[in-house]
Amino acid sequence: MGIADADPSAVRAMADQMRAMFSPTATAKGVDLAAATAAACEAARAEGDVSVGEREVALAEQAVRVAQLWLDEVTDLEAPALTGTAMSRSTWVEETIGTWARVVEPVADGVSGAIRDSMTAQLTGPDAPDLSALGVPPGTNPLALAGQLTPMINRMGSALVTAQVGQAVGALATSTVSGTEVGIPLLTDRVALLPANIAQVADGLDVPVDEVWLHLALRETARMRLFTDVPWLGPQILTAVEEYARGIAIDTSAIDRAVAELDPQDVGGMQQALGSDLFRPAPSPAQKAALTRLETWLALIEGWVDVVTAQAGGAHLPSTDALAETVRRRRATGGPAERTFATLVGLELRPRRLRDAANLFAALEDAGGASARDAAWAHPDVAPTGADLDDVLGYVERSTGSTSGAQDVTGGIDMDAELAALLDAETRGEGDGEGDGRTGG
């Protein structure tokens, strides 16, 4: 049943329901932080959200102190003020929701505009409903009515996107093991670890739990050193995400269907109707450029973290290789970042170039030591680009004046065999563009 053939009493009930849902006290534009936080915390608690105890607090603090010492041995990037903190799932939601809201703000604007355009078309089209059923005086210009509905439509767009943010971030809270595992600078000044999710990763591994904690703390501490000591990096990533979101083309056909088929008894059903069919699959040229930049940054971050963590942990943790394989498999099966951003902005975030990035940083170190490897972060103008990942040796030679030690950046891997395995995995629906799980740092 749609608006055009609805019973007048049902339409009036719909109007009353909409007025209640989108009252003047509701957020008129963008993401309603309070509502998104409440929804995300509820989703996180639904999967179990035990409070953080003294043991977990001590584990986080100690693991990060040890990670800092080990990283001091292998990198000059510093962040001495970083401290470890254990977070429950709901605490992580509360601490990070503001950044998520900033990222998806352009999406809320796009949804509101699409709903407004679709509703205007519905009100002025050949199958327009009888406006008198809504108490509209005869002879009212439908375009003027649509303009008067703009505040309500903005609230509707805000409500839809707020609900998506709450659901997506709540789901992410049940799987992410640390504050910035997604590669986005969601937190500052702290190395956050989520004990409940670390326990999930450790479950079933033939590795001491303390080593799992140390390895994951080492990765997160390395990532936070990068965000802290390279202050331009975080803004570059957030800008790329925002530019992608700003260019999102809303699937107006999905909006049209949702508006035309809207059940007056269930206004909230629009959210469910749009949940998986909101974004057009084909990105614009501007979005493709933003996506390329974003994937490159994410690959560089994780590639650097892989290389540095392997060195720092390899000298101290017997299970470093096994834990690195666990991380790779976790990424290969579609990690928490991919699922979250696919829901929020229709964006696949998995860094396809991670293996190339890890090879690049390993090659830089072979050619010029750790200082050459870390110098790649000195300024955005000298940081590797996507083209540099296609020509690792060329970048190394330009950066260090030498290709010594960089002739076999793949570590002796048979690239033809690797490519064949990758294509075979993708044919079976198992591939993710990172390789087959045996490479990439």
Protein backbone atom coordinates (compact mmCIF):
# COMPACT_ATOMS: atom_id res chain seq x y z
CA MET A 1 0.00 0.00 0.00
CA GLY A 2 1.38 3.41 -0.98
CA ILE A 3 0.56 7.02 -0.25
CA ALA A 4 -1.58 7.49 -3.37
CA ASP A 5 -4.14 4.82 -2.48
CA ALA A 6 -4.03 5.10 1.30
CA ASP A 7 -7.13 5.49 3.39
CA PRO A 8 -7.48 9.16 4.47
CA SER A 9 -7.68 8.22 8.14
CA ALA A 10 -4.50 6.19 7.78
CA VAL A 11 -2.80 9.11 6.08
CA ARG A 12 -3.80 11.38 8.95
CA ALA A 13 -2.40 8.81 11.37
CA MET A 14 0.79 8.80 9.33
CA ALA A 15 0.98 12.57 9.58
CA ASP A 16 0.56 12.40 13.35
CA GLN A 17 3.23 9.72 13.58
CA MET A 18 5.63 11.71 11.46
CA ARG A 19 5.06 14.82 13.56
CA ALA A 20 5.89 12.79 16.66
CA MET A 21 8.98 11.20 15.12
CA PHE A 22 10.36 14.45 13.78
CA SER A 23 9.41 16.91 16.47
CA PRO A 24 11.16 20.28 16.78
CA THR A 25 13.33 18.79 19.51
CA ALA A 26 14.78 16.23 17.08
CA THR A 27 18.04 16.86 15.26
CA ALA A 28 17.19 18.91 12.18
CA LYS A 29 20.25 17.96 10.16
CA GLY A 30 23.17 15.59 10.24
CA VAL A 31 23.63 12.80 12.77
CA ASP A 32 21.88 12.89 16.13
CA LEU A 33 24.83 11.98 18.36
CA ALA A 34 22.76 11.12 21.40
CA ALA A 35 20.44 8.82 19.43
CA ALA A 36 23.31 7.21 17.50
CA THR A 37 25.24 6.59 20.71
CA ALA A 38 22.23 5.04 22.42
CA ALA A 39 21.51 2.77 19.43
CA ALA A 40 25.15 1.72 19.08
CA CYS A 41 25.51 0.97 22.79
CA GLU A 42 22.32 -1.06 22.71
CA ALA A 43 23.62 -3.07 19.74
CA ALA A 44 26.95 -3.62 21.48
CA ARG A 45 25.31 -4.75 24.71
CA ALA A 46 23.04 -7.12 22.81
CA GLU A 47 26.12 -9.22 22.01
CA GLY A 48 27.34 -9.01 25.61
CA ASP A 49 29.28 -6.12 27.06
CA VAL A 50 31.00 -7.10 30.27
CA SER A 51 32.53 -4.32 32.31
CA VAL A 52 36.30 -3.94 32.35
CA GLY A 53 37.84 -5.33 35.51
CA GLU A 54 41.06 -4.55 37.33
CA ARG A 55 42.87 -7.41 35.60
CA GLU A 56 42.02 -6.09 32.13
CA VAL A 57 43.01 -2.56 33.12
CA ALA A 58 46.38 -3.82 34.34
CA LEU A 59 46.86 -5.99 31.23
CA ALA A 60 46.25 -3.06 28.90
CA GLU A 61 48.58 -0.73 30.79
CA GLN A 62 51.36 -3.30 31.00
CA ALA A 63 51.01 -4.50 27.41
CA VAL A 64 51.32 -0.96 26.06
CA ARG A 65 54.31 -0.17 28.28
CA VAL A 66 56.07 -3.24 26.92
CA ALA A 67 55.03 -2.39 23.36
CA GLN A 68 56.51 1.09 23.74
CA LEU A 69 59.85 -0.37 24.81
CA TRP A 70 59.92 -2.83 21.92
CA LEU A 71 58.99 -0.18 19.38
CA ASP A 72 61.75 2.08 20.68
CA GLU A 73 64.16 -0.57 19.43
CA VAL A 74 62.95 -0.48 15.82
CA THR A 75 61.56 2.98 15.03
CA ASP A 76 62.36 6.61 15.70
CA LEU A 77 58.70 7.62 15.53
CA GLU A 78 57.78 8.59 19.06
CA ALA A 79 54.70 9.08 21.19
CA PRO A 80 55.99 8.91 24.77
CA ALA A 81 52.74 10.19 26.30
CA LEU A 82 50.69 7.25 25.01
CA THR A 83 49.20 5.07 27.73
CA GLY A 84 47.25 1.86 27.53
CA THR A 85 43.59 1.75 28.44
CA ALA A 86 41.08 -1.09 28.47
CA MET A 87 37.65 -0.24 27.11
CA SER A 88 34.33 -2.01 27.18
CA ARG A 89 32.43 -2.12 23.91
CA SER A 90 30.01 0.61 24.94
CA THR A 91 32.83 2.84 26.17
CA TRP A 92 34.56 2.49 22.80
CA VAL A 93 31.28 3.51 21.13
CA GLU A 94 30.96 6.60 23.31
CA GLU A 95 34.57 7.62 22.67
CA THR A 96 34.49 7.22 18.88
CA ILE A 97 30.95 8.04 17.77
CA GLY A 98 31.78 11.72 17.22
CA THR A 99 34.33 10.90 14.52
CA TRP A 100 31.95 8.49 12.81
CA ALA A 101 29.28 11.19 12.77
CA ARG A 102 31.70 13.63 11.14
CA VAL A 103 32.54 11.08 8.45
CA VAL A 104 28.94 10.38 7.47
CA GLU A 105 27.61 13.94 7.78
CA PRO A 106 27.63 14.40 3.97
CA VAL A 107 25.60 11.20 3.64
CA ALA A 108 22.84 12.60 5.83
CA ASP A 109 22.66 15.69 3.62
CA GLY A 110 22.47 13.52 0.49
CA VAL A 111 19.72 11.34 1.90
CA SER A 112 17.64 14.37 2.91
CA GLY A 113 18.00 15.87 -0.56
CA ALA A 114 17.03 12.62 -2.25
CA ILE A 115 13.96 12.18 -0.05
CA ARG A 116 12.96 15.79 -0.70
CA ASP A 117 13.27 15.37 -4.47
CA SER A 118 11.38 12.10 -4.44
CA MET A 119 8.59 13.42 -2.25
CA THR A 120 8.26 16.50 -4.48
CA ALA A 121 7.91 14.21 -7.49
CA GLN A 122 5.30 12.14 -5.66
CA LEU A 123 3.29 15.23 -4.69
CA THR A 124 3.34 16.74 -8.19
CA GLY A 125 3.16 13.61 -10.32
CA PRO A 126 0.12 12.13 -12.09
CA ASP A 127 -0.48 9.74 -9.18
CA ALA A 128 -0.26 12.43 -6.52
CA PRO A 129 -2.41 11.76 -3.43
CA ASP A 130 -5.37 13.86 -2.41
CA LEU A 131 -3.68 16.57 -0.37
CA SER A 132 -6.91 17.38 1.41
CA ALA A 133 -6.55 14.07 3.22
CA LEU A 134 -3.59 15.63 4.98
CA GLY A 135 -5.63 18.67 5.91
CA VAL A 136 -4.05 20.79 3.17
CA PRO A 137 -6.34 23.62 1.94
CA PRO A 138 -7.62 23.17 -1.63
CA GLY A 139 -5.53 24.88 -4.28
CA THR A 140 -2.29 24.64 -2.31
CA ASN A 141 0.75 24.58 -4.59
CA PRO A 142 2.41 21.15 -4.14
CA LEU A 143 5.85 22.72 -4.63
CA ALA A 144 5.15 25.17 -1.83
CA LEU A 145 4.00 22.28 0.34
CA ALA A 146 7.21 20.40 -0.42
CA GLY A 147 9.18 23.44 0.66
CA GLN A 148 7.25 23.61 3.91
CA LEU A 149 8.04 19.94 4.50
CA THR A 150 11.80 20.52 4.16
CA PRO A 151 12.51 20.72 7.92
CA MET A 152 10.65 17.47 8.48
CA ILE A 153 12.44 15.84 5.54
CA ASN A 154 15.81 16.92 6.94
CA ARG A 155 14.85 15.30 10.23
CA MET A 156 13.82 12.17 8.34
CA GLY A 157 17.18 12.00 6.57
CA SER A 158 18.92 12.59 9.87
CA ALA A 159 16.91 9.83 11.52
CA LEU A 160 17.69 7.32 8.76
CA VAL A 161 21.43 7.98 8.79
CA THR A 162 21.54 8.18 12.58
CA ALA A 163 19.99 4.73 12.74
CA GLN A 164 22.56 3.39 10.28
CA VAL A 165 25.44 4.91 12.25
CA GLY A 166 24.13 3.40 15.45
CA GLN A 167 23.75 -0.06 13.96
CA ALA A 168 27.09 -0.04 12.13
CA VAL A 169 29.19 1.32 14.99
CA GLY A 170 27.44 -0.97 17.44
CA ALA A 171 28.29 -3.96 15.25
CA LEU A 172 31.89 -2.79 14.91
CA ALA A 173 32.17 -2.51 18.69
CA THR A 174 31.60 -6.26 18.96
CA SER A 175 34.57 -7.15 16.76
CA THR A 176 37.27 -4.46 16.74
CA VAL A 177 40.12 -5.32 19.09
CA SER A 178 41.58 -1.85 19.47
CA GLY A 179 40.85 1.84 19.15
CA THR A 180 42.04 2.42 15.59
CA GLU A 181 42.12 -1.07 14.08
CA VAL A 182 39.98 0.24 11.22
CA GLY A 183 42.86 2.52 10.17
CA ILE A 184 40.96 5.71 11.00
CA PRO A 185 42.24 7.99 13.82
CA LEU A 186 39.21 7.56 16.04
CA LEU A 187 41.09 8.24 19.27
CA THR A 188 44.00 10.38 20.40
CA ASP A 189 46.53 10.16 23.23
CA ARG A 190 45.54 6.62 24.23
CA VAL A 191 46.15 3.08 23.08
CA ALA A 192 42.72 1.53 23.55
CA LEU A 193 42.29 -2.23 23.77
CA LEU A 194 38.95 -4.07 23.99
CA PRO A 195 39.37 -7.12 26.26
CA ALA A 196 36.11 -8.81 25.24
CA ASN A 197 37.06 -8.77 21.57
CA ILE A 198 40.67 -9.74 22.22
CA ALA A 199 39.29 -12.78 24.04
CA GLN A 200 37.29 -13.66 20.90
CA VAL A 201 40.44 -13.51 18.77
CA ALA A 202 42.43 -15.57 21.28
CA ASP A 203 39.76 -18.23 21.55
CA GLY A 204 40.85 -21.32 19.66
CA LEU A 205 44.42 -20.14 19.06
CA ASP A 206 47.24 -22.32 20.30
CA VAL A 207 48.97 -19.23 21.64
CA PRO A 208 49.25 -17.94 25.23
CA VAL A 209 46.67 -15.24 25.89
CA ASP A 210 49.34 -12.86 27.18
CA GLU A 211 51.12 -13.08 23.82
CA VAL A 212 47.89 -12.28 22.00
CA TRP A 213 47.50 -9.19 24.16
CA LEU A 214 51.10 -8.13 23.55
CA HIS A 215 50.89 -8.61 19.79
CA LEU A 216 47.65 -6.67 19.42
CA ALA A 217 48.92 -3.97 21.79
CA LEU A 218 52.08 -3.75 19.70
CA ARG A 219 50.08 -3.22 16.51
CA GLU A 220 47.81 -0.59 18.04
CA THR A 221 50.71 1.22 19.70
CA ALA A 222 52.59 1.32 16.40
CA ARG A 223 49.50 2.69 14.68
CA MET A 224 49.02 5.33 17.36
CA ARG A 225 52.69 6.34 17.13
CA LEU A 226 52.14 6.91 13.45
CA PHE A 227 49.04 9.04 13.98
CA THR A 228 50.72 10.97 16.81
CA ASP A 229 54.17 11.61 15.36
CA VAL A 230 52.89 12.17 11.82
CA PRO A 231 50.24 14.83 12.53
CA TRP A 232 49.22 15.32 8.89
CA LEU A 233 48.27 11.67 8.39
CA GLY A 234 45.00 11.54 10.31
CA PRO A 235 43.52 14.61 8.60
CA GLN A 236 44.50 13.21 5.18
CA ILE A 237 42.58 10.00 5.88
CA LEU A 238 39.51 11.73 7.26
CA THR A 239 39.49 14.15 4.34
CA ALA A 240 39.58 11.27 1.85
CA VAL A 241 36.68 9.55 3.61
CA GLU A 242 34.66 12.76 3.76
CA GLU A 243 35.33 13.53 0.08
CA TYR A 244 34.13 10.07 -0.85
CA ALA A 245 31.01 10.46 1.29
CA ARG A 246 30.33 13.95 -0.06
CA GLY A 247 30.26 12.59 -3.60
CA ILE A 248 27.92 9.73 -2.84
CA ALA A 249 25.08 9.39 -5.32
CA ILE A 250 21.97 8.31 -3.48
CA ASP A 251 19.94 5.68 -5.33
CA THR A 252 16.87 7.80 -6.01
CA SER A 253 15.02 4.82 -7.44
CA ALA A 254 15.29 3.14 -4.04
CA ILE A 255 14.07 6.34 -2.39
CA ASP A 256 11.19 6.57 -4.89
CA ARG A 257 10.13 3.01 -4.17
CA ALA A 258 10.31 3.56 -0.44
CA VAL A 259 8.24 6.75 -0.63
CA ALA A 260 5.69 5.33 -3.07
CA GLU A 261 5.27 2.10 -1.11
CA LEU A 262 5.43 3.70 2.31
CA ASP A 263 2.95 2.04 4.64
CA PRO A 264 1.13 4.76 6.58
CA GLN A 265 0.97 2.39 9.53
CA ASP A 266 4.74 1.97 9.58
CA VAL A 267 6.67 5.12 8.80
CA GLY A 268 9.76 3.58 10.38
CA GLY A 269 9.66 0.91 7.70
CA MET A 270 11.39 3.33 5.32
CA GLN A 271 14.60 2.79 7.25
CA GLN A 272 14.44 -0.96 6.72
CA ALA A 273 13.46 -0.52 3.07
CA LEU A 274 16.51 1.62 2.41
CA GLY A 275 18.91 -0.23 4.67
CA SER A 276 20.70 -2.25 2.02
CA ASP A 277 19.79 -0.35 -1.15
CA LEU A 278 20.63 3.28 -0.49
CA PHE A 279 23.80 3.92 -2.46
CA ARG A 280 24.47 3.72 -6.17
CA PRO A 281 27.15 1.11 -6.84
CA ALA A 282 29.09 3.09 -9.46
CA PRO A 283 31.33 5.79 -7.91
CA SER A 284 31.89 9.10 -9.68
CA PRO A 285 35.37 10.04 -10.99
CA ALA A 286 35.88 12.27 -7.93
CA GLN A 287 34.92 9.40 -5.66
CA LYS A 288 37.26 7.03 -7.47
CA ALA A 289 40.11 9.48 -6.86
CA ALA A 290 39.19 9.78 -3.18
CA LEU A 291 38.88 6.01 -2.92
CA THR A 292 42.32 5.51 -4.46
CA ARG A 293 43.85 7.95 -1.99
CA LEU A 294 42.07 6.32 0.92
CA GLU A 295 43.02 2.78 -0.04
CA THR A 296 46.62 3.89 -0.52
CA TRP A 297 46.77 5.55 2.91
CA LEU A 298 45.21 2.54 4.61
CA ALA A 299 47.56 0.16 2.83
CA LEU A 300 50.58 2.27 3.77
CA ILE A 301 49.54 2.42 7.41
CA GLU A 302 48.93 -1.31 7.73
CA GLY A 303 51.98 -2.17 5.64
CA TRP A 304 54.20 -0.07 7.91
CA VAL A 305 52.56 -1.53 11.01
CA ASP A 306 53.11 -5.07 9.67
CA VAL A 307 56.80 -4.46 9.03
CA VAL A 308 57.50 -2.67 12.31
CA THR A 309 55.45 -5.11 14.39
CA ALA A 310 57.19 -8.11 12.84
CA GLN A 311 60.56 -6.65 13.81
CA ALA A 312 59.58 -5.46 17.27
CA GLY A 313 57.68 -8.60 18.19
CA GLY A 314 59.90 -11.09 16.41
CA ALA A 315 62.73 -10.47 18.84
CA HIS A 316 60.54 -11.09 21.89
CA LEU A 317 57.38 -13.07 21.12
CA PRO A 318 57.74 -16.72 20.04
CA SER A 319 54.27 -16.61 18.46
CA THR A 320 54.82 -13.48 16.35
CA ASP A 321 54.51 -15.31 13.02
CA ALA A 322 51.41 -17.22 14.08
CA LEU A 323 49.74 -14.07 15.36
CA ALA A 324 50.65 -12.16 12.20
CA GLU A 325 48.97 -14.93 10.22
CA THR A 326 45.88 -14.57 12.41
CA VAL A 327 45.75 -10.85 11.63
CA ARG A 328 46.11 -11.54 7.90
CA ARG A 329 43.32 -14.10 7.95
CA ARG A 330 41.15 -11.70 9.89
CA ARG A 331 41.65 -9.11 7.16
CA ALA A 332 41.18 -11.64 4.37
CA THR A 333 37.73 -12.67 5.59
CA GLY A 334 36.45 -9.10 5.53
CA GLY A 335 37.44 -7.26 8.66
CA PRO A 336 35.34 -4.95 10.83
CA ALA A 337 36.34 -1.82 8.91
CA GLU A 338 34.99 -3.09 5.59
CA ARG A 339 31.64 -4.11 7.02
CA THR A 340 31.21 -0.83 8.87
CA PHE A 341 31.98 1.50 5.99
CA ALA A 342 29.99 -0.58 3.53
CA THR A 343 26.97 0.01 5.76
CA LEU A 344 27.65 3.68 6.46
CA VAL A 345 28.70 5.01 3.06
CA GLY A 346 28.68 2.07 0.67
CA LEU A 347 32.49 2.10 0.67
CA GLU A 348 34.78 -0.91 0.67
CA LEU A 349 37.78 0.03 2.79
CA ARG A 350 39.88 -3.10 2.64
CA PRO A 351 43.37 -1.99 1.54
CA ARG A 352 44.04 -4.04 -1.57
CA ARG A 353 47.62 -2.80 -1.85
CA LEU A 354 48.75 -3.86 1.61
CA ARG A 355 51.28 -6.40 0.39
CA ASP A 356 52.85 -3.85 -1.95
CA ALA A 357 53.03 -1.33 0.89
CA ALA A 358 54.70 -3.81 3.22
CA ASN A 359 57.19 -4.66 0.49
CA LEU A 360 57.90 -0.96 -0.05
CA PHE A 361 58.69 -0.30 3.61
CA ALA A 362 60.79 -3.45 3.85
CA ALA A 363 62.71 -2.38 0.74
CA LEU A 364 63.29 1.11 2.12
CA GLU A 365 64.69 -0.39 5.29
CA ASP A 366 66.92 -2.78 3.36
CA ALA A 367 68.28 0.11 1.33
CA GLY A 368 68.65 2.78 3.99
CA GLY A 369 67.79 1.40 7.40
CA ALA A 370 64.88 2.18 9.70
CA SER A 371 65.43 5.92 9.26
CA ALA A 372 64.83 5.63 5.50
CA ARG A 373 61.73 3.55 6.11
CA ASP A 374 60.26 6.07 8.53
CA ALA A 375 61.33 9.09 6.45
CA ALA A 376 58.53 8.20 4.04
CA TRP A 377 56.19 9.81 6.58
CA ALA A 378 58.13 13.08 6.79
CA HIS A 379 55.68 15.03 4.61
CA PRO A 380 52.67 14.18 2.44
CA ASP A 381 54.62 15.33 -0.62
CA VAL A 382 57.24 12.59 -0.12
CA ALA A 383 54.87 9.86 1.06
CA PRO A 384 54.39 6.96 -1.36
CA THR A 385 51.49 7.18 -3.78
CA GLY A 386 49.52 4.50 -5.54
CA ALA A 387 51.89 4.84 -8.50
CA ASP A 388 54.84 4.25 -6.16
CA LEU A 389 53.28 1.02 -4.97
CA ASP A 390 53.32 -0.06 -8.62
CA ASP A 391 57.03 0.74 -8.83
CA VAL A 392 58.52 -0.06 -5.43
CA LEU A 393 62.12 -0.20 -6.64
CA GLY A 394 61.78 3.14 -8.41
CA TYR A 395 60.48 4.79 -5.26
CA VAL A 396 63.26 3.28 -3.16
CA GLU A 397 65.91 4.49 -5.59
CA ARG A 398 64.45 8.00 -5.69
CA SER A 399 64.16 8.13 -1.91
CA THR A 400 67.51 6.63 -0.92
CA GLY A 401 69.63 6.81 -4.06
CA SER A 402 70.11 3.07 -3.83
CA THR A 403 68.31 -0.16 -4.61
CA SER A 404 70.77 -2.21 -2.58
CA GLY A 405 68.96 -4.90 -0.68
CA ALA A 406 65.70 -4.09 -2.45
CA GLN A 407 65.96 -6.40 -5.43
CA ASP A 408 63.75 -9.09 -3.88
CA VAL A 409 61.09 -7.16 -2.02
CA THR A 410 58.64 -10.05 -2.35
CA GLY A 411 60.76 -12.20 -0.08
CA GLY A 412 61.36 -14.85 -2.71
CA ILE A 413 57.67 -15.37 -3.44
CA ASP A 414 56.74 -16.87 -6.80
CA MET A 415 54.52 -14.02 -7.98
CA ASP A 416 53.03 -16.04 -10.86
CA ALA A 417 51.97 -18.73 -8.42
CA GLU A 418 50.64 -16.14 -6.00
CA LEU A 419 48.59 -14.49 -8.74
CA ALA A 420 47.18 -17.81 -9.87
CA ALA A 421 46.21 -18.67 -6.29
CA LEU A 422 44.60 -15.27 -5.86
CA LEU A 423 42.55 -15.57 -9.04
CA ASP A 424 41.48 -19.07 -8.06
CA ALA A 425 40.41 -17.83 -4.62
CA GLU A 426 38.45 -14.97 -6.14
CA THR A 427 36.72 -17.39 -8.50
CA ARG A 428 35.59 -19.35 -5.44
CA GLY A 429 34.54 -16.09 -3.74
CA GLU A 430 37.37 -16.25 -1.20
CA GLY A 431 39.75 -13.56 -2.44
CA ASP A 432 40.03 -10.01 -1.16
CA GLY A 433 42.79 -8.52 -3.23
CA GLU A 434 45.48 -8.88 -0.55
CA GLY A 435 46.87 -12.19 -1.68
CA ASP A 436 46.12 -15.62 -0.28
CA GLY A 437 46.92 -14.90 3.34
CA ARG A 438 50.56 -16.05 3.13
CA THR A 439 51.99 -12.69 2.15
CA GLY A 440 51.68 -9.11 3.15
CA GLY A 441 53.88 -8.84 6.24
